[in-house]
C-alpha atoms as a PDB file:
ATOM      1  CA  LEU A   1      34.136  37.201-144.930  1.00  0.00           C
ATOM      2  CA  ALA A   2      32.345  35.210-147.644  1.00  0.00           C
ATOM      3  CA  PRO A   3      28.890  35.249-146.062  1.00  0.00           C
ATOM      4  CA  ASP A   4      29.093  38.893-144.874  1.00  0.00           C
ATOM      5  CA  LEU A   5      28.800  41.384-147.879  1.00  0.00           C
ATOM      6  CA  PRO A   6      28.418  44.578-145.559  1.00  0.00           C
ATOM      7  CA  GLN A   7      31.606  43.700-143.719  1.00  0.00           C
ATOM      8  CA  THR A   8      33.534  43.037-146.749  1.00  0.00           C
ATOM      9  CA  GLU A   9      32.567  46.255-148.390  1.00  0.00           C
ATOM     10  CA  ASP A  10      33.505  48.140-145.198  1.00  0.00           C
ATOM     11  CA  LEU A  11      37.056  46.615-144.989  1.00  0.00           C
ATOM     12  CA  VAL A  12      37.541  47.243-148.683  1.00  0.00           C
ATOM     13  CA  LYS A  13      36.400  51.040-148.252  1.00  0.00           C
ATOM     14  CA  SER A  14      38.721  51.452-145.079  1.00  0.00           C
ATOM     15  CA  GLY A  15      41.990  50.838-146.771  1.00  0.00           C
ATOM     16  CA  ALA A  16      43.013  48.564-143.901  1.00  0.00           C
ATOM     17  CA  VAL A  17      45.189  45.447-144.223  1.00  0.00           C
ATOM     18  CA  CYS A  18      43.017  42.537-143.085  1.00  0.00           C
ATOM     19  CA  ILE A  19      44.438  39.156-142.123  1.00  0.00           C
ATOM     20  CA  ALA A  20      41.555  36.608-141.409  1.00  0.00           C
ATOM     21  CA  TYR A  21      42.231  34.260-138.634  1.00  0.00           C
ATOM     22  CA  GLU A  22      40.059  31.609-140.555  1.00  0.00           C
ATOM     23  CA  THR A  23      42.303  31.421-143.718  1.00  0.00           C
ATOM     24  CA  VAL A  24      45.811  31.386-142.208  1.00  0.00           C
ATOM     25  CA  THR A  25      47.145  27.889-142.666  1.00  0.00           C
ATOM     26  CA  ASP A  26      50.121  25.813-141.605  1.00  0.00           C
ATOM     27  CA  SER A  27      52.573  23.410-143.169  1.00  0.00           C
ATOM     28  CA  ARG A  28      50.050  20.596-143.094  1.00  0.00           C
ATOM     29  CA  GLY A  29      47.234  22.420-144.642  1.00  0.00           C
ATOM     30  CA  GLY A  30      45.462  23.148-141.163  1.00  0.00           C
ATOM     31  CA  LEU A  31      44.042  26.206-139.746  1.00  0.00           C
ATOM     32  CA  PRO A  32      46.108  26.985-136.631  1.00  0.00           C
ATOM     33  CA  LEU A  33      44.363  30.172-135.814  1.00  0.00           C
ATOM     34  CA  LEU A  34      40.932  28.777-136.240  1.00  0.00           C
ATOM     35  CA  ALA A  35      41.727  25.526-134.543  1.00  0.00           C
ATOM     36  CA  PRO A  36      41.477  26.792-130.948  1.00  0.00           C
ATOM     37  CA  MET A  37      37.899  28.338-131.494  1.00  0.00           C
ATOM     38  CA  SER A  38      36.819  25.264-133.432  1.00  0.00           C
ATOM     39  CA  GLU A  39      37.791  23.176-130.463  1.00  0.00           C
ATOM     40  CA  VAL A  40      35.763  25.210-128.019  1.00  0.00           C
ATOM     41  CA  ALA A  41      32.891  25.595-130.079  1.00  0.00           C
ATOM     42  CA  GLY A  42      32.807  21.736-130.968  1.00  0.00           C
ATOM     43  CA  ARG A  43      32.927  20.856-127.262  1.00  0.00           C
ATOM     44  CA  MET A  44      30.277  23.686-126.395  1.00  0.00           C
ATOM     45  CA  SER A  45      28.053  22.185-129.137  1.00  0.00           C
ATOM     46  CA  ILE A  46      27.397  19.063-127.245  1.00  0.00           C
ATOM     47  CA  GLN A  47      26.529  21.048-123.955  1.00  0.00           C
ATOM     48  CA  ALA A  48      24.206  23.314-125.936  1.00  0.00           C
ATOM     49  CA  GLY A  49      22.686  20.332-127.564  1.00  0.00           C
ATOM     50  CA  ALA A  50      22.028  18.564-124.337  1.00  0.00           C
ATOM     51  CA  GLN A  51      20.307  21.513-123.010  1.00  0.00           C
ATOM     52  CA  ALA A  52      18.129  21.899-126.207  1.00  0.00           C
ATOM     53  CA  LEU A  53      16.944  18.349-125.820  1.00  0.00           C
ATOM     54  CA  GLU A  54      15.623  19.051-122.244  1.00  0.00           C
ATOM     55  CA  LYS A  55      11.740  19.156-122.094  1.00  0.00           C
ATOM     56  CA  SER A  56      11.846  22.671-120.756  1.00  0.00           C
ATOM     57  CA  ASN A  57      13.490  24.059-123.858  1.00  0.00           C
ATOM     58  CA  HIS A  58      10.904  22.362-126.075  1.00  0.00           C
ATOM     59  CA  GLY A  59      13.216  19.360-126.747  1.00  0.00           C
ATOM     60  CA  ARG A  60      12.537  15.590-126.812  1.00  0.00           C
ATOM     61  CA  GLY A  61      13.229  15.246-122.989  1.00  0.00           C
ATOM     62  CA  MET A  62      16.292  13.129-123.600  1.00  0.00           C
ATOM     63  CA  LEU A  63      19.392  12.392-121.620  1.00  0.00           C
ATOM     64  CA  LEU A  64      22.211  12.190-124.039  1.00  0.00           C
ATOM     65  CA  GLY A  65      23.799   9.105-122.297  1.00  0.00           C
ATOM     66  CA  GLY A  66      20.542   7.572-121.406  1.00  0.00           C
ATOM     67  CA  VAL A  67      20.628   5.405-118.175  1.00  0.00           C
ATOM     68  CA  PRO A  68      20.736   1.604-117.625  1.00  0.00           C
ATOM     69  CA  GLY A  69      17.630   0.154-119.377  1.00  0.00           C
ATOM     70  CA  VAL A  70      17.057   3.344-121.499  1.00  0.00           C
ATOM     71  CA  GLU A  71      18.851   3.779-124.907  1.00  0.00           C
ATOM     72  CA  PRO A  72      21.052   7.002-125.311  1.00  0.00           C
ATOM     73  CA  ALA A  73      20.428   9.899-127.752  1.00  0.00           C
ATOM     74  CA  LYS A  74      21.624   9.340-131.363  1.00  0.00           C
ATOM     75  CA  VAL A  75      24.134  12.334-132.034  1.00  0.00           C
ATOM     76  CA  VAL A  76      24.920  13.034-135.765  1.00  0.00           C
ATOM     77  CA  VAL A  77      27.915  15.238-136.539  1.00  0.00           C
ATOM     78  CA  ILE A  78      28.281  16.613-139.927  1.00  0.00           C
ATOM     79  CA  GLY A  79      31.829  17.241-140.642  1.00  0.00           C
ATOM     80  CA  GLY A  80      34.893  15.510-139.150  1.00  0.00           C
ATOM     81  CA  GLY A  81      37.233  18.423-138.835  1.00  0.00           C
ATOM     82  CA  MET A  82      38.165  20.083-135.655  1.00  0.00           C
ATOM     83  CA  VAL A  83      34.635  21.135-134.734  1.00  0.00           C
ATOM     84  CA  GLY A  84      33.461  17.478-135.493  1.00  0.00           C
ATOM     85  CA  ARG A  85      36.195  15.641-133.671  1.00  0.00           C
ATOM     86  CA  SER A  86      35.662  17.878-130.733  1.00  0.00           C
ATOM     87  CA  ALA A  87      31.923  17.370-130.694  1.00  0.00           C
ATOM     88  CA  ALA A  88      32.418  13.644-131.111  1.00  0.00           C
ATOM     89  CA  GLN A  89      34.848  13.531-128.103  1.00  0.00           C
ATOM     90  CA  MET A  90      32.282  15.194-125.801  1.00  0.00           C
ATOM     91  CA  ALA A  91      29.417  13.088-127.087  1.00  0.00           C
ATOM     92  CA  VAL A  92      31.165   9.734-126.529  1.00  0.00           C
ATOM     93  CA  GLY A  93      32.244  10.948-123.129  1.00  0.00           C
ATOM     94  CA  LEU A  94      28.530  11.385-122.199  1.00  0.00           C
ATOM     95  CA  GLY A  95      27.647   7.953-123.458  1.00  0.00           C
ATOM     96  CA  ALA A  96      25.674   9.098-126.694  1.00  0.00           C
ATOM     97  CA  ASP A  97      25.325   6.941-129.765  1.00  0.00           C
ATOM     98  CA  VAL A  98      27.669   8.992-132.164  1.00  0.00           C
ATOM     99  CA  VAL A  99      27.756   9.238-135.941  1.00  0.00           C
ATOM    100  CA  VAL A 100      30.154  11.445-137.809  1.00  0.00           C
ATOM    101  CA  LEU A 101      29.806  12.116-141.512  1.00  0.00           C
ATOM    102  CA  ASP A 102      32.630  13.376-143.848  1.00  0.00           C
ATOM    103  CA  ARG A 103      33.531  13.181-147.440  1.00  0.00           C
ATOM    104  CA  ASN A 104      37.304  12.790-146.597  1.00  0.00           C
ATOM    105  CA  ILE A 105      38.416   9.239-146.268  1.00  0.00           C
ATOM    106  CA  ASP A 106      41.541  10.131-144.369  1.00  0.00           C
ATOM    107  CA  VAL A 107      39.393  12.080-142.017  1.00  0.00           C
ATOM    108  CA  LEU A 108      37.148   9.178-141.404  1.00  0.00           C
ATOM    109  CA  ARG A 109      40.209   6.791-140.964  1.00  0.00           C
ATOM    110  CA  ALA A 110      41.556   9.302-138.218  1.00  0.00           C
ATOM    111  CA  LEU A 111      38.268   9.157-136.461  1.00  0.00           C
ATOM    112  CA  ASP A 112      38.146   5.414-136.526  1.00  0.00           C
ATOM    113  CA  ALA A 113      41.772   5.370-135.112  1.00  0.00           C
ATOM    114  CA  GLN A 114      40.792   7.918-132.347  1.00  0.00           C
ATOM    115  CA  PHE A 115      37.481   6.552-131.247  1.00  0.00           C
ATOM    116  CA  GLY A 116      37.263   2.942-132.459  1.00  0.00           C
ATOM    117  CA  ASN A 117      33.897   1.467-132.289  1.00  0.00           C
ATOM    118  CA  LYS A 118      32.632   4.294-130.061  1.00  0.00           C
ATOM    119  CA  VAL A 119      31.976   6.369-133.252  1.00  0.00           C
ATOM    120  CA  LYS A 120      30.574   5.470-136.482  1.00  0.00           C
ATOM    121  CA  ALA A 121      32.629   7.089-139.121  1.00  0.00           C
ATOM    122  CA  ILE A 122      30.350   7.213-142.278  1.00  0.00           C
ATOM    123  CA  TYR A 123      31.253   8.444-145.763  1.00  0.00           C
ATOM    124  CA  SER A 124      28.810  11.420-146.559  1.00  0.00           C
ATOM    125  CA  THR A 125      26.510  10.853-149.418  1.00  0.00           C
ATOM    126  CA  ALA A 126      23.069  12.524-149.972  1.00  0.00           C
ATOM    127  CA  ASP A 127      21.328   9.163-148.946  1.00  0.00           C
ATOM    128  CA  ALA A 128      23.655   8.712-145.899  1.00  0.00           C
ATOM    129  CA  LEU A 129      23.110  12.262-144.802  1.00  0.00           C
ATOM    130  CA  GLU A 130      19.449  12.055-144.995  1.00  0.00           C
ATOM    131  CA  LYS A 131      19.245   8.671-143.381  1.00  0.00           C
ATOM    132  CA  HIS A 132      21.220   9.755-140.242  1.00  0.00           C
ATOM    133  CA  VAL A 133      19.761  13.181-139.914  1.00  0.00           C
ATOM    134  CA  LEU A 134      16.225  11.852-139.954  1.00  0.00           C
ATOM    135  CA  GLU A 135      17.203   9.262-137.302  1.00  0.00           C
ATOM    136  CA  ALA A 136      19.088  11.792-135.119  1.00  0.00           C
ATOM    137  CA  ASP A 137      18.047  13.309-131.692  1.00  0.00           C
ATOM    138  CA  LEU A 138      20.755  15.890-131.975  1.00  0.00           C
ATOM    139  CA  VAL A 139      22.441  17.196-135.147  1.00  0.00           C
ATOM    140  CA  ILE A 140      25.743  19.162-134.960  1.00  0.00           C
ATOM    141  CA  GLY A 141      26.531  21.150-138.030  1.00  0.00           C
ATOM    142  CA  GLY A 142      30.433  21.356-138.215  1.00  0.00           C
ATOM    143  CA  VAL A 143      31.088  21.989-141.939  1.00  0.00           C
ATOM    144  CA  LEU A 144      33.783  24.486-142.951  1.00  0.00           C
ATOM    145  CA  ILE A 145      35.082  25.569-146.440  1.00  0.00           C
ATOM    146  CA  PRO A 146      37.980  28.028-145.363  1.00  0.00           C
ATOM    147  CA  GLY A 147      37.212  31.520-146.370  1.00  0.00           C
ATOM    148  CA  ALA A 148      33.820  30.510-148.212  1.00  0.00           C
ATOM    149  CA  ALA A 149      30.163  30.290-146.966  1.00  0.00           C
ATOM    150  CA  ALA A 150      29.182  27.084-145.582  1.00  0.00           C
ATOM    151  CA  PRO A 151      27.113  24.778-147.918  1.00  0.00           C
ATOM    152  CA  LYS A 152      23.523  24.114-146.973  1.00  0.00           C
ATOM    153  CA  LEU A 153      23.688  20.404-146.462  1.00  0.00           C
ATOM    154  CA  VAL A 154      20.622  19.919-144.372  1.00  0.00           C
ATOM    155  CA  THR A 155      17.494  21.089-146.081  1.00  0.00           C
ATOM    156  CA  ALA A 156      14.147  22.487-145.030  1.00  0.00           C
ATOM    157  CA  GLU A 157      12.623  19.121-146.222  1.00  0.00           C
ATOM    158  CA  HIS A 158      14.937  17.198-143.819  1.00  0.00           C
ATOM    159  CA  ILE A 159      14.003  19.366-141.013  1.00  0.00           C
ATOM    160  CA  LYS A 160      10.206  18.852-141.506  1.00  0.00           C
ATOM    161  CA  ALA A 161      10.936  14.881-141.467  1.00  0.00           C
ATOM    162  CA  MET A 162      13.115  15.084-138.242  1.00  0.00           C
ATOM    163  CA  LYS A 163      11.712  13.718-135.016  1.00  0.00           C
ATOM    164  CA  PRO A 164       9.661  16.269-133.046  1.00  0.00           C
ATOM    165  CA  GLY A 165      11.638  17.755-130.396  1.00  0.00           C
ATOM    166  CA  SER A 166      14.916  16.803-131.753  1.00  0.00           C
ATOM    167  CA  ALA A 167      17.706  19.595-131.890  1.00  0.00           C
ATOM    168  CA  ILE A 168      20.194  21.046-134.049  1.00  0.00           C
ATOM    169  CA  VAL A 169      23.379  23.002-133.166  1.00  0.00           C
ATOM    170  CA  ASP A 170      24.691  24.856-136.270  1.00  0.00           C
ATOM    171  CA  VAL A 171      28.230  25.610-135.396  1.00  0.00           C
ATOM    172  CA  ALA A 172      28.878  26.665-139.008  1.00  0.00           C
ATOM    173  CA  ILE A 173      26.529  29.681-138.448  1.00  0.00           C
ATOM    174  CA  ASP A 174      29.500  32.103-138.442  1.00  0.00           C
ATOM    175  CA  GLN A 175      29.960  31.104-142.065  1.00  0.00           C
ATOM    176  CA  GLY A 176      26.404  31.327-142.916  1.00  0.00           C
ATOM    177  CA  GLY A 177      25.230  27.874-141.496  1.00  0.00           C
ATOM    178  CA  CYS A 178      25.014  24.508-143.040  1.00  0.00           C
ATOM    179  CA  ILE A 179      21.429  23.990-142.047  1.00  0.00           C
ATOM    180  CA  ALA A 180      18.829  25.601-144.559  1.00  0.00           C
ATOM    181  CA  THR A 181      16.607  26.773-141.775  1.00  0.00           C
ATOM    182  CA  SER A 182      19.462  28.320-139.527  1.00  0.00           C
ATOM    183  CA  LYS A 183      19.565  32.074-138.688  1.00  0.00           C
ATOM    184  CA  ALA A 184      22.120  33.585-136.371  1.00  0.00           C
ATOM    185  CA  THR A 185      21.001  33.964-132.626  1.00  0.00           C
ATOM    186  CA  THR A 186      22.530  35.325-129.593  1.00  0.00           C
ATOM    187  CA  HIS A 187      23.681  34.149-126.184  1.00  0.00           C
ATOM    188  CA  ALA A 188      20.908  35.993-124.690  1.00  0.00           C
ATOM    189  CA  ASP A 189      18.316  34.195-126.729  1.00  0.00           C
ATOM    190  CA  PRO A 190      20.124  31.205-128.320  1.00  0.00           C
ATOM    191  CA  THR A 191      17.306  29.061-129.632  1.00  0.00           C
ATOM    192  CA  PHE A 192      14.225  28.959-131.967  1.00  0.00           C
ATOM    193  CA  ILE A 193      11.940  26.383-133.277  1.00  0.00           C
ATOM    194  CA  VAL A 194      11.116  25.267-136.833  1.00  0.00           C
ATOM    195  CA  ASP A 195       8.832  22.482-137.542  1.00  0.00           C
ATOM    196  CA  ASP A 196       9.260  21.157-133.965  1.00  0.00           C
ATOM    197  CA  VAL A 197      13.065  21.048-134.218  1.00  0.00           C
ATOM    198  CA  VAL A 198      14.824  23.203-131.791  1.00  0.00           C
ATOM    199  CA  HIS A 199      17.548  25.271-133.400  1.00  0.00           C
ATOM    200  CA  TYR A 200      20.691  26.601-131.606  1.00  0.00           C
ATOM    201  CA  CYS A 201      22.620  28.876-133.985  1.00  0.00           C
ATOM    202  CA  VAL A 202      24.457  31.323-131.807  1.00  0.00           C
ATOM    203  CA  ALA A 203      27.287  33.257-133.622  1.00  0.00           C
ATOM    204  CA  ASN A 204      30.625  33.288-131.839  1.00  0.00           C
ATOM    205  CA  MET A 205      29.786  30.434-129.540  1.00  0.00           C
ATOM    206  CA  PRO A 206      33.293  30.631-127.748  1.00  0.00           C
ATOM    207  CA  GLY A 207      32.196  34.132-126.388  1.00  0.00           C
ATOM    208  CA  ALA A 208      30.088  32.375-123.787  1.00  0.00           C
ATOM    209  CA  VAL A 209      33.379  30.988-122.198  1.00  0.00           C
ATOM    210  CA  PRO A 210      35.759  33.956-122.679  1.00  0.00           C
ATOM    211  CA  ARG A 211      38.397  32.824-120.217  1.00  0.00           C
ATOM    212  CA  THR A 212      38.959  29.549-121.927  1.00  0.00           C
ATOM    213  CA  SER A 213      38.747  31.034-125.333  1.00  0.00           C
ATOM    214  CA  THR A 214      41.118  33.938-124.690  1.00  0.00           C
ATOM    215  CA  PHE A 215      44.052  31.781-123.407  1.00  0.00           C
ATOM    216  CA  ALA A 216      43.495  29.199-126.174  1.00  0.00           C
ATOM    217  CA  LEU A 217      43.559  31.861-128.806  1.00  0.00           C
ATOM    218  CA  ASN A 218      46.616  33.624-127.286  1.00  0.00           C
ATOM    219  CA  ASN A 219      48.422  30.506-127.415  1.00  0.00           C
ATOM    220  CA  ALA A 220      47.951  30.107-131.090  1.00  0.00           C
ATOM    221  CA  THR A 221      48.123  33.735-132.208  1.00  0.00           C
ATOM    222  CA  LEU A 222      51.103  35.086-130.130  1.00  0.00           C
ATOM    223  CA  PRO A 223      54.001  33.703-132.566  1.00  0.00           C
ATOM    224  CA  PHE A 224      52.277  35.518-135.390  1.00  0.00           C
ATOM    225  CA  ILE A 225      51.697  38.734-133.465  1.00  0.00           C
ATOM    226  CA  ILE A 226      55.420  38.597-132.446  1.00  0.00           C
ATOM    227  CA  ASN A 227      56.343  38.137-136.091  1.00  0.00           C
ATOM    228  CA  LEU A 228      54.231  41.000-137.196  1.00  0.00           C
ATOM    229  CA  ALA A 229      55.611  43.321-134.619  1.00  0.00           C
ATOM    230  CA  ASN A 230      59.264  42.426-135.486  1.00  0.00           C
ATOM    231  CA  LYS A 231      59.101  42.475-139.166  1.00  0.00           C
ATOM    232  CA  GLY A 232      56.154  44.689-140.159  1.00  0.00           C
ATOM    233  CA  TYR A 233      53.141  43.323-142.094  1.00  0.00           C
ATOM    234  CA  LYS A 234      54.835  43.371-145.581  1.00  0.00           C
ATOM    235  CA  LYS A 235      57.854  41.309-144.631  1.00  0.00           C
ATOM    236  CA  ALA A 236      55.921  38.933-142.350  1.00  0.00           C
ATOM    237  CA  LEU A 237      53.476  38.135-145.075  1.00  0.00           C
ATOM    238  CA  LEU A 238      55.999  37.780-147.792  1.00  0.00           C
ATOM    239  CA  ASP A 239      58.333  35.655-145.753  1.00  0.00           C
ATOM    240  CA  ASP A 240      55.508  33.215-144.753  1.00  0.00           C
ATOM    241  CA  ALA A 241      53.345  31.727-147.573  1.00  0.00           C
ATOM    242  CA  ASN A 242      50.960  30.144-144.904  1.00  0.00           C
ATOM    243  CA  PHE A 243      50.470  33.495-143.135  1.00  0.00           C
ATOM    244  CA  LEU A 244      50.019  35.117-146.621  1.00  0.00           C
ATOM    245  CA  LYS A 245      46.961  32.909-147.225  1.00  0.00           C
ATOM    246  CA  GLY A 246      45.370  34.873-144.429  1.00  0.00           C
ATOM    247  CA  LEU A 247      45.361  38.170-146.242  1.00  0.00           C
ATOM    248  CA  ASN A 248      41.695  38.771-147.429  1.00  0.00           C
ATOM    249  CA  VAL A 249      41.713  42.536-147.946  1.00  0.00           C
ATOM    250  CA  ILE A 250      44.595  45.027-148.415  1.00  0.00           C
ATOM    251  CA  LYS A 251      44.217  48.793-149.272  1.00  0.00           C
ATOM    252  CA  GLY A 252      40.929  48.354-151.005  1.00  0.00           C
ATOM    253  CA  GLN A 253      41.655  45.118-152.829  1.00  0.00           C
ATOM    254  CA  VAL A 254      40.249  41.723-152.141  1.00  0.00           C
ATOM    255  CA  THR A 255      43.052  38.910-152.102  1.00  0.00           C
ATOM    256  CA  TYR A 256      41.056  35.950-151.189  1.00  0.00           C
ATOM    257  CA  LYS A 257      39.563  34.252-154.259  1.00  0.00           C
ATOM    258  CA  GLU A 258      36.499  32.719-152.451  1.00  0.00           C
ATOM    259  CA  VAL A 259      35.579  36.079-151.001  1.00  0.00           C
ATOM    260  CA  ALA A 260      36.000  37.776-154.399  1.00  0.00           C
ATOM    261  CA  GLU A 261      33.796  35.174-156.033  1.00  0.00           C
ATOM    262  CA  ALA A 262      31.185  35.186-153.542  1.00  0.00           C
ATOM    263  CA  PHE A 263      30.559  38.873-154.162  1.00  0.00           C
ATOM    264  CA  ASN A 264      31.722  39.197-157.593  1.00  0.00           C
ATOM    265  CA  MET A 265      34.447  41.593-156.710  1.00  0.00           C
ATOM    266  CA  PRO A 266      37.912  41.913-158.576  1.00  0.00           C
ATOM    267  CA  TYR A 267      40.508  39.388-157.179  1.00  0.00           C
ATOM    268  CA  VAL A 268      44.155  40.457-156.800  1.00  0.00           C
ATOM    269  CA  ASP A 269      46.768  38.003-156.078  1.00  0.00           C
ATOM    270  CA  PRO A 270      48.059  38.612-152.492  1.00  0.00           C
ATOM    271  CA  ARG A 271      51.776  38.536-153.169  1.00  0.00           C
ATOM    272  CA  THR A 272      51.389  41.145-155.760  1.00  0.00           C
ATOM    273  CA  ALA A 273      49.084  43.145-153.668  1.00  0.00           C
ATOM    274  CA  VAL A 274      51.507  43.114-150.630  1.00  0.00           C
ATOM    275  CA  GLU A 275      54.480  44.038-152.989  1.00  0.00           C
ATOM    276  CA  ASN A 276      52.749  46.998-154.522  1.00  0.00           C
ATOM    277  CA  ALA A 277      51.171  48.242-151.322  1.00  0.00           C
END
């Protein structure tokens, strides 16, 4: 909700109980209901980026994996979470030169363990980000701050300095985007160009593959739905601290701190709000 004030205001006015897929956690701190869509969007980002690089779409006219005698495209993935890992997996499979930037050392170690020397796992600093973005043929924006708007890590100045015909896929657009020049687009009209850089910023990317997305999402959500049906929302939330973290709005009260802070709204502790509902 953090990047969407009108929706937040409407939900507050509705008096509904609103549990957000993107903030439900698990015992390891992961996001089990967001993970399936992150996997789909991450894998799709490489497909979309490959098309954006084609000359007919105003791209550089590059094949991600190159061919013998011709170097592959450089793919830079910002964020090494579920989106980033899924994007890296697809890019490696197509033979691209892949760099993943993240600020979590454990994430970088996991990437190194998974991909070995097929992926360059780089600690993200301002200098490292600028260097690799300017060298990139394709940039994937996969940054997520649970429940909050995505930070704008790639600036308009970076875009101006990128290679003409390079491409960006901003998977974070559902959270406001992590590219300064991004704006939400649709599956019907997915791209636009800023400073000779092709931008693919489709909101709800998994909507393009509804069969895969539906089965993946059902697999993750069914246990929570059964729990809600058996216990009712109050007991289901109060019995499970991880599920309770998914509660963003209840009966006119905002119960997720990042959303409340983003819009300067009063914050109410979720457990207190449920107990008093």
